[in-house]
């Protein structure tokens, strides 16, 4: 049988995931709330 406690202790996340997380957290992307805010501001002029 698989010893889940032992397997979890050996687990190490992939470097690719860590790199992706870093890129996502430090990237300033426009999201839907930014788009809605822009539309609402432009509509009030």
Protein backbone atom coordinates (compact mmCIF):
# COMPACT_ATOMS: atom_id res chain seq x y z
CA UNK A 1 0.00 0.00 0.00
CA UNK A 2 1.01 3.59 -0.50
CA UNK A 3 2.17 5.38 2.64
CA UNK A 4 0.62 8.81 2.03
CA UNK A 5 2.42 10.46 4.95
CA UNK A 6 5.77 9.33 3.56
CA UNK A 7 4.90 10.44 0.03
CA UNK A 8 3.73 13.87 1.22
CA UNK A 9 6.95 14.32 3.18
CA UNK A 10 8.96 13.69 -0.02
CA UNK A 11 6.85 16.02 -2.17
CA UNK A 12 8.58 19.05 -3.70
CA UNK A 13 6.70 21.39 -6.04
CA UNK A 14 7.89 21.67 -9.61
CA UNK A 15 10.21 24.56 -10.35
CA UNK A 16 7.99 25.44 -13.30
CA UNK A 17 5.06 26.04 -10.96
CA UNK A 18 7.19 28.23 -8.68
CA UNK A 19 8.37 30.24 -11.67
CA UNK A 20 4.83 30.62 -12.99
CA UNK A 21 3.60 31.75 -9.57
CA UNK A 22 6.36 34.36 -9.40
CA UNK A 23 5.52 35.66 -12.87
CA UNK A 24 1.80 35.85 -12.11
CA UNK A 25 2.24 37.62 -8.79
CA UNK A 26 4.59 40.24 -10.22
CA UNK A 27 2.72 40.93 -13.45
CA UNK A 28 0.32 43.86 -13.55
CA UNK A 29 -2.46 42.57 -15.77
CA UNK A 30 -5.72 44.31 -16.53
CA UNK A 31 -8.61 42.33 -15.12
CA UNK A 32 -12.37 42.70 -15.52
CA UNK A 33 -12.66 45.06 -12.55
CA UNK A 34 -10.12 47.41 -14.18
CA UNK A 35 -12.09 47.34 -17.43
CA UNK A 36 -15.39 48.06 -15.68
CA UNK A 37 -13.81 50.89 -13.71
CA UNK A 38 -12.48 52.44 -16.94
CA UNK A 39 -15.89 52.17 -18.61
CA UNK A 40 -17.63 53.75 -15.64
CA UNK A 41 -15.11 56.61 -15.49
CA UNK A 42 -15.39 57.30 -19.22
CA UNK A 43 -19.20 57.27 -18.99
CA UNK A 44 -19.20 60.00 -16.31
CA UNK A 45 -17.46 62.58 -18.50
